[in-house]
Amino acid sequence: METPELWRWIWLALATGLIVGEIAVAGSFFLLPFGLGALAAAIAAFAGVPVGFEWAVFVLASAGLSAVIWPLGRRLDRRSPRHAIGATRWEGREAVVVREIPAGAGQTGLIRLDREEWRAESMDGVPIRAGSTVLVSRVAGTRLIVLPLEDPLDVLEDPSVRRDQSGKEQ
């Protein structure tokens, strides 16, 4: 039969398991409110209160702590830096165009980023000449979407011709 003495140890074991589980499982304080609620119920059980009251302590403490701790966990998650994993590590990096990227959406050329060559597409749809430096803005499947770091008009025109800000030859 269920005795009040048995519930003391059940609450204590549950509290221990949930708190240790919080430490062992990666996450943002998911199990901690329940572990602390079980700990509060264990304290109530050792104080000699009826089992129904222990359950009420567990439910109310867990709900109250969840309302306080979970938003804190979400705020802490937002502040933590995201580590670049896989192909996303290329975002924000500079690369050199190996094969010209033609004008138009979906048109791809080839860029070299460190030791790897990737298919690349111009984000603005402007052509980018081979030898130009580009910035990787995002990864789309097996392609890198890039922005030219040089003025696209300067890349396509004769570099010996000087122009003023309005585009007129000087």
N, C-alpha and C. Protein backbone atom coordinates (compact mmCIF):
# COMPACT_ATOMS: atom_id res chain seq x y z
N MET A 1 0.82 -1.18 0.00
CA MET A 1 0.00 0.00 0.00
C MET A 1 0.87 1.25 0.00
N GLU A 2 0.28 2.33 -0.40
CA GLU A 2 1.00 3.60 -0.44
C GLU A 2 0.97 4.23 0.94
N THR A 3 2.14 4.44 1.48
CA THR A 3 2.24 5.07 2.80
C THR A 3 2.94 6.42 2.64
N PRO A 4 2.68 7.34 3.54
CA PRO A 4 3.35 8.64 3.47
C PRO A 4 4.88 8.52 3.53
N GLU A 5 5.39 7.52 4.25
CA GLU A 5 6.84 7.34 4.35
C GLU A 5 7.44 6.97 2.99
N LEU A 6 6.71 6.18 2.21
CA LEU A 6 7.19 5.79 0.88
C LEU A 6 7.28 7.00 -0.04
N TRP A 7 6.31 7.91 0.04
CA TRP A 7 6.30 9.09 -0.82
C TRP A 7 7.47 10.02 -0.56
N ARG A 8 8.00 10.01 0.65
CA ARG A 8 9.19 10.82 0.93
C ARG A 8 10.32 10.43 0.00
N TRP A 9 10.51 9.13 -0.11
CA TRP A 9 11.63 8.63 -0.92
C TRP A 9 11.33 8.72 -2.42
N ILE A 10 10.07 8.57 -2.77
CA ILE A 10 9.70 8.73 -4.19
C ILE A 10 10.00 10.16 -4.64
N TRP A 11 9.55 11.15 -3.83
CA TRP A 11 9.79 12.56 -4.20
C TRP A 11 11.29 12.87 -4.24
N LEU A 12 12.02 12.33 -3.29
CA LEU A 12 13.46 12.59 -3.23
C LEU A 12 14.18 11.96 -4.44
N ALA A 13 13.79 10.74 -4.79
CA ALA A 13 14.39 10.08 -5.96
C ALA A 13 14.03 10.81 -7.25
N LEU A 14 12.77 11.25 -7.34
CA LEU A 14 12.33 11.99 -8.53
C LEU A 14 13.08 13.32 -8.65
N ALA A 15 13.23 14.03 -7.54
CA ALA A 15 13.96 15.30 -7.54
C ALA A 15 15.40 15.09 -7.98
N THR A 16 16.04 14.07 -7.42
CA THR A 16 17.43 13.78 -7.77
C THR A 16 17.55 13.43 -9.25
N GLY A 17 16.67 12.56 -9.74
CA GLY A 17 16.72 12.16 -11.15
C GLY A 17 16.50 13.32 -12.10
N LEU A 18 15.54 14.18 -11.78
CA LEU A 18 15.26 15.31 -12.68
C LEU A 18 16.36 16.36 -12.66
N ILE A 19 16.92 16.62 -11.50
CA ILE A 19 18.00 17.61 -11.42
C ILE A 19 19.26 17.09 -12.10
N VAL A 20 19.59 15.82 -11.88
CA VAL A 20 20.74 15.22 -12.57
C VAL A 20 20.46 15.16 -14.07
N GLY A 21 19.22 14.87 -14.46
CA GLY A 21 18.85 14.86 -15.87
C GLY A 21 19.01 16.23 -16.51
N GLU A 22 18.70 17.28 -15.78
CA GLU A 22 18.89 18.64 -16.29
C GLU A 22 20.36 18.91 -16.58
N ILE A 23 21.21 18.42 -15.70
CA ILE A 23 22.65 18.61 -15.88
C ILE A 23 23.15 17.79 -17.07
N ALA A 24 22.62 16.58 -17.24
CA ALA A 24 23.11 15.67 -18.27
C ALA A 24 22.57 15.98 -19.67
N VAL A 25 21.38 16.57 -19.76
CA VAL A 25 20.75 16.81 -21.06
C VAL A 25 20.99 18.26 -21.47
N ALA A 26 21.42 18.44 -22.71
CA ALA A 26 21.59 19.80 -23.22
C ALA A 26 20.22 20.43 -23.41
N GLY A 27 20.07 21.60 -22.93
CA GLY A 27 18.78 22.28 -23.08
C GLY A 27 18.76 23.51 -22.20
N SER A 28 17.62 24.12 -22.15
CA SER A 28 17.50 25.37 -21.41
C SER A 28 16.53 25.22 -20.26
N PHE A 29 16.95 24.59 -19.22
CA PHE A 29 16.19 24.48 -17.98
C PHE A 29 14.83 23.81 -18.17
N PHE A 30 14.77 22.75 -18.94
CA PHE A 30 13.49 22.07 -19.14
C PHE A 30 13.11 21.22 -17.93
N LEU A 31 14.03 20.45 -17.40
CA LEU A 31 13.73 19.54 -16.29
C LEU A 31 13.89 20.18 -14.92
N LEU A 32 14.61 21.28 -14.83
CA LEU A 32 14.90 21.91 -13.55
C LEU A 32 13.66 22.31 -12.75
N PRO A 33 12.65 22.95 -13.34
CA PRO A 33 11.47 23.31 -12.54
C PRO A 33 10.77 22.09 -11.94
N PHE A 34 10.72 21.00 -12.68
CA PHE A 34 10.09 19.78 -12.17
C PHE A 34 10.93 19.15 -11.06
N GLY A 35 12.24 19.19 -11.22
CA GLY A 35 13.12 18.67 -10.17
C GLY A 35 13.01 19.46 -8.88
N LEU A 36 12.94 20.80 -9.03
CA LEU A 36 12.79 21.63 -7.84
C LEU A 36 11.40 21.48 -7.23
N GLY A 37 10.38 21.27 -8.08
CA GLY A 37 9.04 21.00 -7.58
C GLY A 37 8.99 19.69 -6.81
N ALA A 38 9.66 18.67 -7.30
CA ALA A 38 9.72 17.38 -6.60
C ALA A 38 10.50 17.53 -5.28
N LEU A 39 11.52 18.37 -5.29
CA LEU A 39 12.27 18.62 -4.07
C LEU A 39 11.38 19.32 -3.02
N ALA A 40 10.57 20.27 -3.48
CA ALA A 40 9.63 20.93 -2.57
C ALA A 40 8.61 19.93 -2.01
N ALA A 41 8.14 19.02 -2.87
CA ALA A 41 7.20 17.99 -2.41
C ALA A 41 7.88 17.04 -1.42
N ALA A 42 9.16 16.74 -1.65
CA ALA A 42 9.89 15.87 -0.71
C ALA A 42 10.03 16.56 0.65
N ILE A 43 10.29 17.85 0.65
CA ILE A 43 10.39 18.59 1.91
C ILE A 43 9.04 18.56 2.64
N ALA A 44 7.97 18.73 1.86
CA ALA A 44 6.63 18.66 2.46
C ALA A 44 6.36 17.27 3.01
N ALA A 45 6.82 16.23 2.30
CA ALA A 45 6.60 14.85 2.76
C ALA A 45 7.37 14.58 4.05
N PHE A 46 8.61 15.08 4.14
CA PHE A 46 9.38 14.90 5.38
C PHE A 46 8.79 15.71 6.53
N ALA A 47 8.01 16.77 6.19
CA ALA A 47 7.34 17.55 7.23
C ALA A 47 6.09 16.84 7.74
N GLY A 48 5.66 15.78 7.06
CA GLY A 48 4.54 14.96 7.52
C GLY A 48 3.18 15.40 7.02
N VAL A 49 3.13 16.13 5.92
CA VAL A 49 1.83 16.55 5.38
C VAL A 49 1.20 15.41 4.57
N PRO A 50 -0.10 15.43 4.34
CA PRO A 50 -0.75 14.37 3.56
C PRO A 50 -0.25 14.33 2.10
N VAL A 51 -0.38 13.15 1.49
CA VAL A 51 0.10 12.93 0.13
C VAL A 51 -0.58 13.86 -0.87
N GLY A 52 -1.84 14.12 -0.73
CA GLY A 52 -2.55 15.03 -1.63
C GLY A 52 -1.96 16.44 -1.60
N PHE A 53 -1.58 16.89 -0.41
CA PHE A 53 -0.95 18.20 -0.28
C PHE A 53 0.43 18.19 -0.93
N GLU A 54 1.16 17.06 -0.84
CA GLU A 54 2.48 16.94 -1.48
C GLU A 54 2.35 17.11 -2.99
N TRP A 55 1.29 16.48 -3.55
CA TRP A 55 1.05 16.62 -4.99
C TRP A 55 0.74 18.07 -5.36
N ALA A 56 -0.04 18.73 -4.53
CA ALA A 56 -0.37 20.14 -4.79
C ALA A 56 0.91 21.00 -4.74
N VAL A 57 1.79 20.72 -3.77
CA VAL A 57 3.06 21.45 -3.69
C VAL A 57 3.88 21.20 -4.95
N PHE A 58 3.94 19.95 -5.39
CA PHE A 58 4.70 19.62 -6.59
C PHE A 58 4.16 20.36 -7.81
N VAL A 59 2.85 20.31 -8.04
CA VAL A 59 2.24 20.94 -9.22
C VAL A 59 2.42 22.45 -9.19
N LEU A 60 2.12 23.07 -8.04
CA LEU A 60 2.22 24.53 -7.95
C LEU A 60 3.66 25.02 -8.05
N ALA A 61 4.57 24.33 -7.38
CA ALA A 61 5.98 24.73 -7.44
C ALA A 61 6.54 24.55 -8.85
N SER A 62 6.21 23.44 -9.49
CA SER A 62 6.70 23.20 -10.85
C SER A 62 6.15 24.24 -11.83
N ALA A 63 4.86 24.56 -11.72
CA ALA A 63 4.26 25.55 -12.61
C ALA A 63 4.86 26.93 -12.37
N GLY A 64 4.99 27.32 -11.12
CA GLY A 64 5.56 28.63 -10.81
C GLY A 64 7.00 28.76 -11.26
N LEU A 65 7.79 27.73 -10.99
CA LEU A 65 9.19 27.77 -11.41
C LEU A 65 9.34 27.72 -12.93
N SER A 66 8.46 26.99 -13.61
CA SER A 66 8.49 26.96 -15.08
C SER A 66 8.23 28.35 -15.64
N ALA A 67 7.28 29.06 -15.06
CA ALA A 67 6.95 30.40 -15.53
C ALA A 67 8.12 31.37 -15.35
N VAL A 68 8.98 31.10 -14.38
CA VAL A 68 10.12 31.99 -14.12
C VAL A 68 11.38 31.52 -14.86
N ILE A 69 11.65 30.23 -14.82
CA ILE A 69 12.93 29.72 -15.32
C ILE A 69 12.95 29.57 -16.85
N TRP A 70 11.87 29.12 -17.48
CA TRP A 70 11.89 28.91 -18.93
C TRP A 70 12.13 30.19 -19.72
N PRO A 71 11.49 31.32 -19.39
CA PRO A 71 11.82 32.55 -20.12
C PRO A 71 13.28 32.96 -19.95
N LEU A 72 13.82 32.74 -18.75
CA LEU A 72 15.22 33.02 -18.52
C LEU A 72 16.10 32.17 -19.44
N GLY A 73 15.77 30.90 -19.57
CA GLY A 73 16.51 30.00 -20.46
C GLY A 73 16.45 30.45 -21.90
N ARG A 74 15.28 30.90 -22.35
CA ARG A 74 15.16 31.39 -23.74
C ARG A 74 16.01 32.64 -23.95
N ARG A 75 16.03 33.54 -22.98
CA ARG A 75 16.86 34.74 -23.09
C ARG A 75 18.34 34.38 -23.14
N LEU A 76 18.76 33.44 -22.34
CA LEU A 76 20.16 33.03 -22.35
C LEU A 76 20.52 32.36 -23.67
N ASP A 77 19.60 31.59 -24.25
CA ASP A 77 19.86 30.95 -25.54
C ASP A 77 20.05 31.97 -26.65
N ARG A 78 19.27 33.05 -26.62
CA ARG A 78 19.40 34.07 -27.66
C ARG A 78 20.74 34.78 -27.59
N ARG A 79 21.29 34.92 -26.40
CA ARG A 79 22.55 35.63 -26.23
C ARG A 79 23.75 34.77 -26.61
N SER A 80 23.61 33.47 -26.56
CA SER A 80 24.76 32.62 -26.83
C SER A 80 25.12 32.67 -28.32
N PRO A 81 26.41 32.69 -28.62
CA PRO A 81 26.82 32.78 -30.02
C PRO A 81 26.49 31.50 -30.77
N ARG A 82 26.12 31.67 -32.01
CA ARG A 82 25.88 30.50 -32.86
C ARG A 82 27.18 30.14 -33.55
N HIS A 83 27.54 28.88 -33.46
CA HIS A 83 28.77 28.45 -34.07
C HIS A 83 28.48 28.00 -35.50
N ALA A 84 29.33 28.45 -36.40
CA ALA A 84 29.16 28.07 -37.79
C ALA A 84 29.51 26.59 -37.94
N ILE A 85 28.57 25.86 -38.48
CA ILE A 85 28.76 24.42 -38.65
C ILE A 85 28.54 24.09 -40.12
N GLY A 86 29.35 23.21 -40.64
CA GLY A 86 29.18 22.79 -42.02
C GLY A 86 29.42 23.94 -42.98
N ALA A 87 28.60 24.02 -44.01
CA ALA A 87 28.78 25.03 -45.05
C ALA A 87 28.48 26.44 -44.55
N THR A 88 27.71 26.56 -43.48
CA THR A 88 27.40 27.91 -42.98
C THR A 88 28.64 28.61 -42.44
N ARG A 89 29.72 27.89 -42.25
CA ARG A 89 30.95 28.54 -41.78
C ARG A 89 31.51 29.50 -42.82
N TRP A 90 31.05 29.39 -44.07
CA TRP A 90 31.55 30.26 -45.14
C TRP A 90 30.86 31.63 -45.14
N GLU A 91 29.72 31.75 -44.51
CA GLU A 91 28.98 33.01 -44.54
C GLU A 91 29.81 34.13 -43.91
N GLY A 92 29.86 35.27 -44.61
CA GLY A 92 30.62 36.41 -44.13
C GLY A 92 32.09 36.38 -44.51
N ARG A 93 32.51 35.39 -45.27
CA ARG A 93 33.90 35.26 -45.68
C ARG A 93 34.11 35.79 -47.09
N GLU A 94 35.33 36.20 -47.39
CA GLU A 94 35.68 36.68 -48.72
C GLU A 94 36.21 35.53 -49.55
N ALA A 95 35.95 35.60 -50.86
CA ALA A 95 36.41 34.56 -51.79
C ALA A 95 36.83 35.23 -53.09
N VAL A 96 37.49 34.45 -53.95
CA VAL A 96 37.94 34.94 -55.25
C VAL A 96 37.18 34.18 -56.33
N VAL A 97 36.69 34.92 -57.32
CA VAL A 97 35.95 34.31 -58.42
C VAL A 97 36.95 33.63 -59.35
N VAL A 98 36.77 32.34 -59.60
CA VAL A 98 37.65 31.57 -60.47
C VAL A 98 37.09 31.55 -61.89
N ARG A 99 35.79 31.32 -62.00
CA ARG A 99 35.10 31.33 -63.31
C ARG A 99 33.98 32.34 -63.21
N GLU A 100 33.88 33.22 -64.19
CA GLU A 100 32.93 34.33 -64.17
C GLU A 100 31.52 33.89 -63.78
N ILE A 101 30.87 34.73 -62.99
CA ILE A 101 29.48 34.50 -62.60
C ILE A 101 28.63 35.35 -63.54
N PRO A 102 27.86 34.72 -64.44
CA PRO A 102 27.08 35.49 -65.40
C PRO A 102 25.92 36.25 -64.75
N ALA A 103 25.40 37.23 -65.47
CA ALA A 103 24.26 38.01 -64.98
C ALA A 103 23.01 37.15 -64.98
N GLY A 104 22.11 37.46 -64.06
CA GLY A 104 20.83 36.77 -64.03
C GLY A 104 20.68 35.85 -62.84
N ALA A 105 19.44 35.67 -62.45
CA ALA A 105 19.14 34.79 -61.33
C ALA A 105 19.38 33.34 -61.72
N GLY A 106 19.98 32.60 -60.83
CA GLY A 106 20.22 31.18 -61.08
C GLY A 106 21.46 30.89 -61.89
N GLN A 107 22.14 31.91 -62.40
CA GLN A 107 23.35 31.70 -63.18
C GLN A 107 24.52 31.51 -62.23
N THR A 108 25.31 30.49 -62.44
CA THR A 108 26.39 30.20 -61.50
C THR A 108 27.75 30.26 -62.16
N GLY A 109 28.72 30.65 -61.36
CA GLY A 109 30.12 30.61 -61.73
C GLY A 109 30.84 29.79 -60.68
N LEU A 110 32.13 30.02 -60.55
CA LEU A 110 32.92 29.23 -59.61
C LEU A 110 33.78 30.17 -58.78
N ILE A 111 33.80 29.95 -57.47
CA ILE A 111 34.65 30.74 -56.59
C ILE A 111 35.56 29.82 -55.79
N ARG A 112 36.67 30.38 -55.31
CA ARG A 112 37.59 29.63 -54.46
C ARG A 112 37.56 30.26 -53.08
N LEU A 113 37.30 29.42 -52.11
CA LEU A 113 37.23 29.85 -50.72
C LEU A 113 38.16 28.95 -49.94
N ASP A 114 39.26 29.52 -49.45
CA ASP A 114 40.36 28.75 -48.87
C ASP A 114 40.84 27.75 -49.92
N ARG A 115 40.73 26.48 -49.67
CA ARG A 115 41.20 25.48 -50.64
C ARG A 115 40.07 24.86 -51.43
N GLU A 116 38.86 25.27 -51.17
CA GLU A 116 37.70 24.65 -51.81
C GLU A 116 37.14 25.54 -52.92
N GLU A 117 36.60 24.89 -53.96
CA GLU A 117 35.91 25.61 -55.01
C GLU A 117 34.42 25.31 -54.90
N TRP A 118 33.62 26.38 -55.03
CA TRP A 118 32.17 26.28 -54.88
C TRP A 118 31.49 26.93 -56.06
N ARG A 119 30.31 26.38 -56.42
CA ARG A 119 29.46 27.07 -57.38
C ARG A 119 28.90 28.29 -56.65
N ALA A 120 28.84 29.40 -57.38
CA ALA A 120 28.37 30.63 -56.74
C ALA A 120 27.42 31.37 -57.67
N GLU A 121 26.50 32.07 -57.04
CA GLU A 121 25.50 32.87 -57.75
C GLU A 121 25.55 34.28 -57.19
N SER A 122 25.39 35.26 -58.09
CA SER A 122 25.38 36.66 -57.65
C SER A 122 24.06 36.97 -56.94
N MET A 123 24.13 37.57 -55.78
CA MET A 123 22.92 37.90 -55.03
C MET A 123 22.10 38.97 -55.75
N ASP A 124 22.78 39.92 -56.37
CA ASP A 124 22.10 41.02 -57.06
C ASP A 124 21.78 40.70 -58.51
N GLY A 125 22.26 39.58 -59.01
CA GLY A 125 22.03 39.23 -60.40
C GLY A 125 22.97 39.94 -61.37
N VAL A 126 23.99 40.63 -60.85
CA VAL A 126 24.95 41.31 -61.71
C VAL A 126 26.09 40.35 -62.04
N PRO A 127 26.67 40.49 -63.23
CA PRO A 127 27.80 39.62 -63.56
C PRO A 127 29.03 39.99 -62.74
N ILE A 128 29.83 38.99 -62.42
CA ILE A 128 31.05 39.22 -61.64
C ILE A 128 32.20 38.53 -62.39
N ARG A 129 33.20 39.32 -62.74
CA ARG A 129 34.32 38.86 -63.54
C ARG A 129 35.25 37.97 -62.73
N ALA A 130 35.91 37.02 -63.41
CA ALA A 130 36.91 36.15 -62.77
C ALA A 130 38.03 37.02 -62.22
N GLY A 131 38.53 36.66 -61.05
CA GLY A 131 39.58 37.41 -60.40
C GLY A 131 39.06 38.42 -59.39
N SER A 132 37.74 38.68 -59.41
CA SER A 132 37.14 39.63 -58.49
C SER A 132 37.03 39.01 -57.10
N THR A 133 36.96 39.87 -56.11
CA THR A 133 36.75 39.43 -54.73
C THR A 133 35.28 39.59 -54.40
N VAL A 134 34.71 38.57 -53.75
CA VAL A 134 33.30 38.59 -53.39
C VAL A 134 33.14 38.25 -51.92
N LEU A 135 31.98 38.59 -51.39
CA LEU A 135 31.63 38.27 -50.01
C LEU A 135 30.50 37.26 -50.03
N VAL A 136 30.67 36.16 -49.30
CA VAL A 136 29.64 35.13 -49.23
C VAL A 136 28.56 35.61 -48.27
N SER A 137 27.33 35.77 -48.79
CA SER A 137 26.25 36.26 -47.93
C SER A 137 25.43 35.12 -47.33
N ARG A 138 25.28 34.01 -48.06
CA ARG A 138 24.55 32.87 -47.50
C ARG A 138 24.83 31.62 -48.33
N VAL A 139 24.40 30.50 -47.80
CA VAL A 139 24.54 29.21 -48.48
C VAL A 139 23.15 28.75 -48.90
N ALA A 140 23.01 28.37 -50.16
CA ALA A 140 21.73 27.87 -50.68
C ALA A 140 21.99 26.52 -51.32
N GLY A 141 21.78 25.47 -50.55
CA GLY A 141 22.02 24.12 -51.06
C GLY A 141 23.51 23.92 -51.28
N THR A 142 23.88 23.66 -52.54
CA THR A 142 25.29 23.45 -52.87
C THR A 142 25.92 24.68 -53.50
N ARG A 143 25.22 25.81 -53.45
CA ARG A 143 25.73 27.06 -54.02
C ARG A 143 25.94 28.09 -52.92
N LEU A 144 26.90 28.96 -53.17
CA LEU A 144 27.10 30.10 -52.28
C LEU A 144 26.54 31.33 -52.97
N ILE A 145 25.79 32.12 -52.25
CA ILE A 145 25.24 33.36 -52.79
C ILE A 145 26.21 34.46 -52.38
N VAL A 146 26.72 35.22 -53.37
CA VAL A 146 27.79 36.17 -53.11
C VAL A 146 27.44 37.58 -53.55
N LEU A 147 28.13 38.53 -52.94
CA LEU A 147 28.03 39.94 -53.31
C LEU A 147 29.41 40.40 -53.73
N PRO A 148 29.50 41.15 -54.84
CA PRO A 148 30.82 41.65 -55.24
C PRO A 148 31.30 42.71 -54.25
N LEU A 149 32.58 42.67 -53.93
CA LEU A 149 33.15 43.67 -53.03
C LEU A 149 33.66 44.87 -53.82
N GLU A 150 33.71 44.75 -55.14
CA GLU A 150 34.08 45.85 -56.01
C GLU A 150 32.83 46.32 -56.72
N ASP A 151 32.82 47.56 -57.19
CA ASP A 151 31.68 48.07 -57.94
C ASP A 151 31.53 47.23 -59.21
N PRO A 152 30.37 46.61 -59.46
CA PRO A 152 30.21 45.74 -60.62
C PRO A 152 30.49 46.45 -61.93
N LEU A 153 30.21 47.74 -62.02
CA LEU A 153 30.49 48.47 -63.25
C LEU A 153 31.98 48.58 -63.48
N ASP A 154 32.75 48.80 -62.41
CA ASP A 154 34.20 48.90 -62.54
C ASP A 154 34.80 47.57 -62.97
N VAL A 155 34.21 46.49 -62.55
CA VAL A 155 34.72 45.16 -62.89
C VAL A 155 34.54 44.89 -64.37
N LEU A 156 33.42 45.31 -64.94
CA LEU A 156 33.12 45.00 -66.33
C LEU A 156 33.74 46.00 -67.30
N GLU A 157 34.05 47.19 -66.87
CA GLU A 157 34.58 48.21 -67.77
C GLU A 157 36.09 48.18 -67.77
N ASP A 158 36.65 48.92 -68.71
CA ASP A 158 38.08 49.05 -68.83
C ASP A 158 38.62 49.80 -67.62
N PRO A 159 39.55 49.21 -66.86
CA PRO A 159 40.04 49.85 -65.65
C PRO A 159 40.86 51.11 -65.92
N SER A 160 41.34 51.30 -67.17
CA SER A 160 42.15 52.48 -67.47
C SER A 160 41.31 53.73 -67.65
N VAL A 161 39.98 53.57 -67.85
CA VAL A 161 39.11 54.72 -68.03
C VAL A 161 38.63 55.17 -66.65
N ARG A 162 38.89 56.46 -66.34
CA ARG A 162 38.46 57.00 -65.06
C ARG A 162 37.12 57.68 -65.22
N ARG A 163 36.25 57.50 -64.24
CA ARG A 163 34.93 58.11 -64.26
C ARG A 163 34.71 58.87 -62.97
N ASP A 164 33.89 59.92 -63.04
CA ASP A 164 33.53 60.64 -61.82
C ASP A 164 32.32 59.96 -61.19
N GLN A 165 31.78 60.53 -60.12
CA GLN A 165 30.69 59.90 -59.40
C GLN A 165 29.42 59.79 -60.22
N SER A 166 29.22 60.67 -61.20
CA SER A 166 28.01 60.60 -62.03
C SER A 166 28.14 59.56 -63.13
N GLY A 167 29.35 58.98 -63.30
CA GLY A 167 29.55 57.96 -64.31
C GLY A 167 30.14 58.49 -65.60
N LYS A 168 30.42 59.80 -65.69
CA LYS A 168 30.98 60.40 -66.91
C LYS A 168 32.49 60.20 -66.93
N GLU A 169 33.02 60.00 -68.16
CA GLU A 169 34.48 59.84 -68.31
C GLU A 169 35.17 61.14 -67.99
N GLN A 170 36.35 61.03 -67.38
CA GLN A 170 37.13 62.23 -67.07
C GLN A 170 38.24 62.43 -68.08
